[in-house]
Amino acid sequence: MPRTPLTIEKTLTLLAATPQRIEAMTAGLTLAQLRTAPNHGEWSANDVLAHLLACADMWGDRRILVMIAEDHPTIRALNPRTWIKQTDYPDLEFRSSLRAFATQRAELLAALKSLPPDGWSRSATLMGAGRPLEITVLLEASEMARHERPHVKQIERIVSAVSIPT
């Protein structure tokens, strides 16, 4: 069951902050550090960013932007972990991947900021994730923002673990 959405302002703030926070946290790391997992079986910063890109494709491009462009579409759910296997995201160099993520986020934010208040209520039927779900732009954008927060903290922990003390 979806949670209560965040406010529009909070959603926009969190979505805007994610690429900036990742850039700031990882600025001094080498490519090797960005691909190093703190422990066996854990993700590297590069892995987390690849996951965030796949999630941005699913929530942003395949759901939110479609709801903005179409009147009550039916959208087939696709798990980001399934989608990522069809991409080269895990193999991309971190900095170019972060640029792509930031560009994609800027495009999503531009679309969201251009919405009138009632535009955040635009909806769709999401199929393929159990029973059909009614989703809205605000609900999906809120869930996207909420989902990213622990991953940003995860990158922060990874950076701390792989950084060489100076």
C-alpha atoms as a PDB file:
ATOM      1  CA  MET A   1       0.000   0.000   0.000  1.00  0.00           C
ATOM      2  CA  PRO A   2       1.515   3.343  -1.016  1.00  0.00           C
ATOM      3  CA  ARG A   3       2.351   5.772   1.744  1.00  0.00           C
ATOM      4  CA  THR A   4       0.997   9.271   2.061  1.00  0.00           C
ATOM      5  CA  PRO A   5       2.854  11.413  -0.468  1.00  0.00           C
ATOM      6  CA  LEU A   6       5.307  14.061   0.593  1.00  0.00           C
ATOM      7  CA  THR A   7       4.425  17.661  -0.137  1.00  0.00           C
ATOM      8  CA  ILE A   8       5.224  18.962  -3.601  1.00  0.00           C
ATOM      9  CA  GLU A   9       7.883  21.278  -2.166  1.00  0.00           C
ATOM     10  CA  LYS A  10       9.568  18.498  -0.156  1.00  0.00           C
ATOM     11  CA  THR A  11       9.466  16.142  -3.136  1.00  0.00           C
ATOM     12  CA  LEU A  12      11.093  18.701  -5.435  1.00  0.00           C
ATOM     13  CA  THR A  13      13.726  19.550  -2.827  1.00  0.00           C
ATOM     14  CA  LEU A  14      14.713  15.930  -2.272  1.00  0.00           C
ATOM     15  CA  LEU A  15      14.757  15.060  -5.975  1.00  0.00           C
ATOM     16  CA  ALA A  16      16.932  18.100  -6.746  1.00  0.00           C
ATOM     17  CA  ALA A  17      19.373  17.314  -3.942  1.00  0.00           C
ATOM     18  CA  THR A  18      20.195  13.717  -4.865  1.00  0.00           C
ATOM     19  CA  PRO A  19      22.595  14.299  -7.795  1.00  0.00           C
ATOM     20  CA  GLN A  20      24.223  17.232  -5.991  1.00  0.00           C
ATOM     21  CA  ARG A  21      24.801  15.214  -2.817  1.00  0.00           C
ATOM     22  CA  ILE A  22      26.260  12.284  -4.746  1.00  0.00           C
ATOM     23  CA  GLU A  23      28.577  14.631  -6.658  1.00  0.00           C
ATOM     24  CA  ALA A  24      29.779  16.316  -3.472  1.00  0.00           C
ATOM     25  CA  MET A  25      30.372  13.026  -1.645  1.00  0.00           C
ATOM     26  CA  THR A  26      32.293  11.366  -4.447  1.00  0.00           C
ATOM     27  CA  ALA A  27      34.254  14.318  -5.849  1.00  0.00           C
ATOM     28  CA  GLY A  28      37.654  13.243  -4.536  1.00  0.00           C
ATOM     29  CA  LEU A  29      37.423   9.523  -5.197  1.00  0.00           C
ATOM     30  CA  THR A  30      39.338   7.628  -7.846  1.00  0.00           C
ATOM     31  CA  LEU A  31      37.624   5.409 -10.393  1.00  0.00           C
ATOM     32  CA  ALA A  32      38.954   2.389  -8.489  1.00  0.00           C
ATOM     33  CA  GLN A  33      37.471   3.637  -5.211  1.00  0.00           C
ATOM     34  CA  LEU A  34      34.123   4.272  -6.900  1.00  0.00           C
ATOM     35  CA  ARG A  35      34.084   0.641  -8.073  1.00  0.00           C
ATOM     36  CA  THR A  36      35.183  -0.781  -4.710  1.00  0.00           C
ATOM     37  CA  ALA A  37      32.586  -2.372  -2.461  1.00  0.00           C
ATOM     38  CA  PRO A  38      33.270  -2.004   1.266  1.00  0.00           C
ATOM     39  CA  ASN A  39      32.748  -5.745   1.813  1.00  0.00           C
ATOM     40  CA  HIS A  40      32.269  -8.842  -0.308  1.00  0.00           C
ATOM     41  CA  GLY A  41      28.727  -9.034  -1.631  1.00  0.00           C
ATOM     42  CA  GLU A  42      27.990  -5.334  -1.078  1.00  0.00           C
ATOM     43  CA  TRP A  43      27.533  -2.643  -3.684  1.00  0.00           C
ATOM     44  CA  SER A  44      30.131  -0.093  -4.716  1.00  0.00           C
ATOM     45  CA  ALA A  45      29.214   3.564  -5.234  1.00  0.00           C
ATOM     46  CA  ASN A  46      29.129   2.768  -8.958  1.00  0.00           C
ATOM     47  CA  ASP A  47      26.639  -0.061  -8.329  1.00  0.00           C
ATOM     48  CA  VAL A  48      24.372   2.190  -6.268  1.00  0.00           C
ATOM     49  CA  LEU A  49      24.442   4.878  -8.955  1.00  0.00           C
ATOM     50  CA  ALA A  50      23.616   2.283 -11.639  1.00  0.00           C
ATOM     51  CA  HIS A  51      20.629   1.207  -9.517  1.00  0.00           C
ATOM     52  CA  LEU A  52      19.495   4.828  -9.120  1.00  0.00           C
ATOM     53  CA  LEU A  53      19.698   5.321 -12.888  1.00  0.00           C
ATOM     54  CA  ALA A  54      17.540   2.245 -13.462  1.00  0.00           C
ATOM     55  CA  CYS A  55      15.043   3.479 -10.869  1.00  0.00           C
ATOM     56  CA  ALA A  56      14.990   6.923 -12.500  1.00  0.00           C
ATOM     57  CA  ASP A  57      14.148   5.241 -15.792  1.00  0.00           C
ATOM     58  CA  MET A  58      11.275   3.344 -14.184  1.00  0.00           C
ATOM     59  CA  TRP A  59       9.801   6.069 -11.971  1.00  0.00           C
ATOM     60  CA  GLY A  60      10.736   9.155 -13.953  1.00  0.00           C
ATOM     61  CA  ASP A  61      10.691   8.233 -17.626  1.00  0.00           C
ATOM     62  CA  ARG A  62       8.279   5.289 -17.679  1.00  0.00           C
ATOM     63  CA  ARG A  63       5.777   6.524 -15.101  1.00  0.00           C
ATOM     64  CA  ILE A  64       5.905  10.210 -14.164  1.00  0.00           C
ATOM     65  CA  LEU A  65       6.655  11.648 -17.596  1.00  0.00           C
ATOM     66  CA  VAL A  66       4.103   9.325 -19.201  1.00  0.00           C
ATOM     67  CA  MET A  67       1.419  10.461 -16.729  1.00  0.00           C
ATOM     68  CA  ILE A  68       2.252  14.071 -17.531  1.00  0.00           C
ATOM     69  CA  ALA A  69       2.058  13.464 -21.293  1.00  0.00           C
ATOM     70  CA  GLU A  70      -0.983  11.173 -21.450  1.00  0.00           C
ATOM     71  CA  ASP A  71      -4.442  11.161 -19.925  1.00  0.00           C
ATOM     72  CA  HIS A  72      -4.689   8.284 -17.452  1.00  0.00           C
ATOM     73  CA  PRO A  73      -2.405   5.791 -19.203  1.00  0.00           C
ATOM     74  CA  THR A  74      -2.074   2.148 -18.274  1.00  0.00           C
ATOM     75  CA  ILE A  75       1.567   1.508 -17.428  1.00  0.00           C
ATOM     76  CA  ARG A  76       3.198  -1.896 -17.146  1.00  0.00           C
ATOM     77  CA  ALA A  77       5.332  -2.164 -14.013  1.00  0.00           C
ATOM     78  CA  LEU A  78       8.923  -3.173 -14.521  1.00  0.00           C
ATOM     79  CA  ASN A  79      11.292  -3.852 -11.651  1.00  0.00           C
ATOM     80  CA  PRO A  80      14.458  -1.713 -11.820  1.00  0.00           C
ATOM     81  CA  ARG A  81      16.521  -4.795 -10.914  1.00  0.00           C
ATOM     82  CA  THR A  82      15.133  -6.533 -13.988  1.00  0.00           C
ATOM     83  CA  TRP A  83      15.549  -3.430 -16.162  1.00  0.00           C
ATOM     84  CA  ILE A  84      19.190  -2.865 -15.167  1.00  0.00           C
ATOM     85  CA  LYS A  85      20.089  -6.243 -16.703  1.00  0.00           C
ATOM     86  CA  GLN A  86      19.013  -4.817 -20.076  1.00  0.00           C
ATOM     87  CA  THR A  87      21.288  -1.788 -19.718  1.00  0.00           C
ATOM     88  CA  ASP A  88      25.014  -1.135 -19.514  1.00  0.00           C
ATOM     89  CA  TYR A  89      24.611   1.012 -16.376  1.00  0.00           C
ATOM     90  CA  PRO A  90      26.814  -1.148 -14.114  1.00  0.00           C
ATOM     91  CA  ASP A  91      29.635  -0.932 -16.677  1.00  0.00           C
ATOM     92  CA  LEU A  92      29.503   2.830 -17.191  1.00  0.00           C
ATOM     93  CA  GLU A  93      32.241   5.051 -15.818  1.00  0.00           C
ATOM     94  CA  PHE A  94      30.977   6.739 -12.646  1.00  0.00           C
ATOM     95  CA  ARG A  95      31.424  10.376 -13.706  1.00  0.00           C
ATOM     96  CA  SER A  96      29.635   9.941 -17.045  1.00  0.00           C
ATOM     97  CA  SER A  97      26.922   7.952 -15.293  1.00  0.00           C
ATOM     98  CA  LEU A  98      26.482  10.737 -12.733  1.00  0.00           C
ATOM     99  CA  ARG A  99      26.259  13.319 -15.534  1.00  0.00           C
ATOM    100  CA  ALA A 100      23.558  11.219 -17.221  1.00  0.00           C
ATOM    101  CA  PHE A 101      21.700  10.908 -13.907  1.00  0.00           C
ATOM    102  CA  ALA A 102      21.937  14.663 -13.282  1.00  0.00           C
ATOM    103  CA  THR A 103      20.724  15.448 -16.817  1.00  0.00           C
ATOM    104  CA  GLN A 104      17.826  13.027 -16.496  1.00  0.00           C
ATOM    105  CA  ARG A 105      16.947  14.534 -13.109  1.00  0.00           C
ATOM    106  CA  ALA A 106      17.062  18.088 -14.465  1.00  0.00           C
ATOM    107  CA  GLU A 107      14.642  17.089 -17.233  1.00  0.00           C
ATOM    108  CA  LEU A 108      12.286  15.454 -14.740  1.00  0.00           C
ATOM    109  CA  LEU A 109      12.415  18.473 -12.420  1.00  0.00           C
ATOM    110  CA  ALA A 110      11.694  20.835 -15.312  1.00  0.00           C
ATOM    111  CA  ALA A 111       8.603  18.801 -16.196  1.00  0.00           C
ATOM    112  CA  LEU A 112       7.449  18.651 -12.575  1.00  0.00           C
ATOM    113  CA  LYS A 113       8.030  22.354 -11.918  1.00  0.00           C
ATOM    114  CA  SER A 114       5.999  23.264 -14.990  1.00  0.00           C
ATOM    115  CA  LEU A 115       2.940  21.441 -13.642  1.00  0.00           C
ATOM    116  CA  PRO A 116       0.057  23.452 -12.271  1.00  0.00           C
ATOM    117  CA  PRO A 117      -0.947  22.282  -8.769  1.00  0.00           C
ATOM    118  CA  ASP A 118      -3.667  19.991 -10.128  1.00  0.00           C
ATOM    119  CA  GLY A 119      -1.151  18.465 -12.560  1.00  0.00           C
ATOM    120  CA  TRP A 120       0.401  16.601  -9.643  1.00  0.00           C
ATOM    121  CA  SER A 121      -2.893  14.658  -9.449  1.00  0.00           C
ATOM    122  CA  ARG A 122      -2.534  13.278 -12.965  1.00  0.00           C
ATOM    123  CA  SER A 123      -2.883   9.537 -12.665  1.00  0.00           C
ATOM    124  CA  ALA A 124      -2.315   6.169 -14.283  1.00  0.00           C
ATOM    125  CA  THR A 125      -3.138   2.536 -13.697  1.00  0.00           C
ATOM    126  CA  LEU A 126      -0.036   0.502 -12.902  1.00  0.00           C
ATOM    127  CA  MET A 127      -0.298  -3.118 -14.002  1.00  0.00           C
ATOM    128  CA  GLY A 128       1.942  -6.085 -13.341  1.00  0.00           C
ATOM    129  CA  ALA A 129       2.822  -5.481  -9.696  1.00  0.00           C
ATOM    130  CA  GLY A 130       0.032  -7.541  -8.154  1.00  0.00           C
ATOM    131  CA  ARG A 131      -3.430  -6.058  -8.392  1.00  0.00           C
ATOM    132  CA  PRO A 132      -3.744  -2.917 -10.552  1.00  0.00           C
ATOM    133  CA  LEU A 133      -2.733   0.223  -8.664  1.00  0.00           C
ATOM    134  CA  GLU A 134      -3.886   3.774  -9.189  1.00  0.00           C
ATOM    135  CA  ILE A 135      -0.862   6.049  -9.021  1.00  0.00           C
ATOM    136  CA  THR A 136      -0.398   9.802  -9.346  1.00  0.00           C
ATOM    137  CA  VAL A 137       2.487  12.023 -10.333  1.00  0.00           C
ATOM    138  CA  LEU A 138       2.855  13.190  -6.720  1.00  0.00           C
ATOM    139  CA  LEU A 139       2.767   9.678  -5.294  1.00  0.00           C
ATOM    140  CA  GLU A 140       5.398   8.372  -7.722  1.00  0.00           C
ATOM    141  CA  ALA A 141       7.660  11.408  -7.347  1.00  0.00           C
ATOM    142  CA  SER A 142       7.372  11.125  -3.539  1.00  0.00           C
ATOM    143  CA  GLU A 143       8.199   7.426  -3.594  1.00  0.00           C
ATOM    144  CA  MET A 144      11.158   8.083  -5.883  1.00  0.00           C
ATOM    145  CA  ALA A 145      12.481  10.739  -3.493  1.00  0.00           C
ATOM    146  CA  ARG A 146      11.949   8.473  -0.472  1.00  0.00           C
ATOM    147  CA  HIS A 147      13.654   5.555  -2.206  1.00  0.00           C
ATOM    148  CA  GLU A 148      16.743   7.614  -3.010  1.00  0.00           C
ATOM    149  CA  ARG A 149      17.384   8.835   0.532  1.00  0.00           C
ATOM    150  CA  PRO A 150      18.747   5.550   1.946  1.00  0.00           C
ATOM    151  CA  HIS A 151      20.796   5.016  -1.217  1.00  0.00           C
ATOM    152  CA  VAL A 152      22.433   8.429  -0.789  1.00  0.00           C
ATOM    153  CA  LYS A 153      23.278   7.418   2.794  1.00  0.00           C
ATOM    154  CA  GLN A 154      24.550   4.099   1.440  1.00  0.00           C
ATOM    155  CA  ILE A 155      26.925   5.964  -0.886  1.00  0.00           C
ATOM    156  CA  GLU A 156      28.050   8.078   2.055  1.00  0.00           C
ATOM    157  CA  ARG A 157      28.917   4.902   4.019  1.00  0.00           C
ATOM    158  CA  ILE A 158      30.709   3.424   0.989  1.00  0.00           C
ATOM    159  CA  VAL A 159      32.734   6.594   0.464  1.00  0.00           C
ATOM    160  CA  SER A 160      33.754   6.551   4.107  1.00  0.00           C
ATOM    161  CA  ALA A 161      34.783   2.908   3.897  1.00  0.00           C
ATOM    162  CA  VAL A 162      36.827   3.169   0.691  1.00  0.00           C
ATOM    163  CA  SER A 163      38.435   6.567   1.275  1.00  0.00           C
ATOM    164  CA  ILE A 164      42.114   6.582   2.042  1.00  0.00           C
ATOM    165  CA  PRO A 165      42.842   8.543   5.243  1.00  0.00           C
ATOM    166  CA  THR A 166      45.047  11.575   4.623  1.00  0.00           C
END
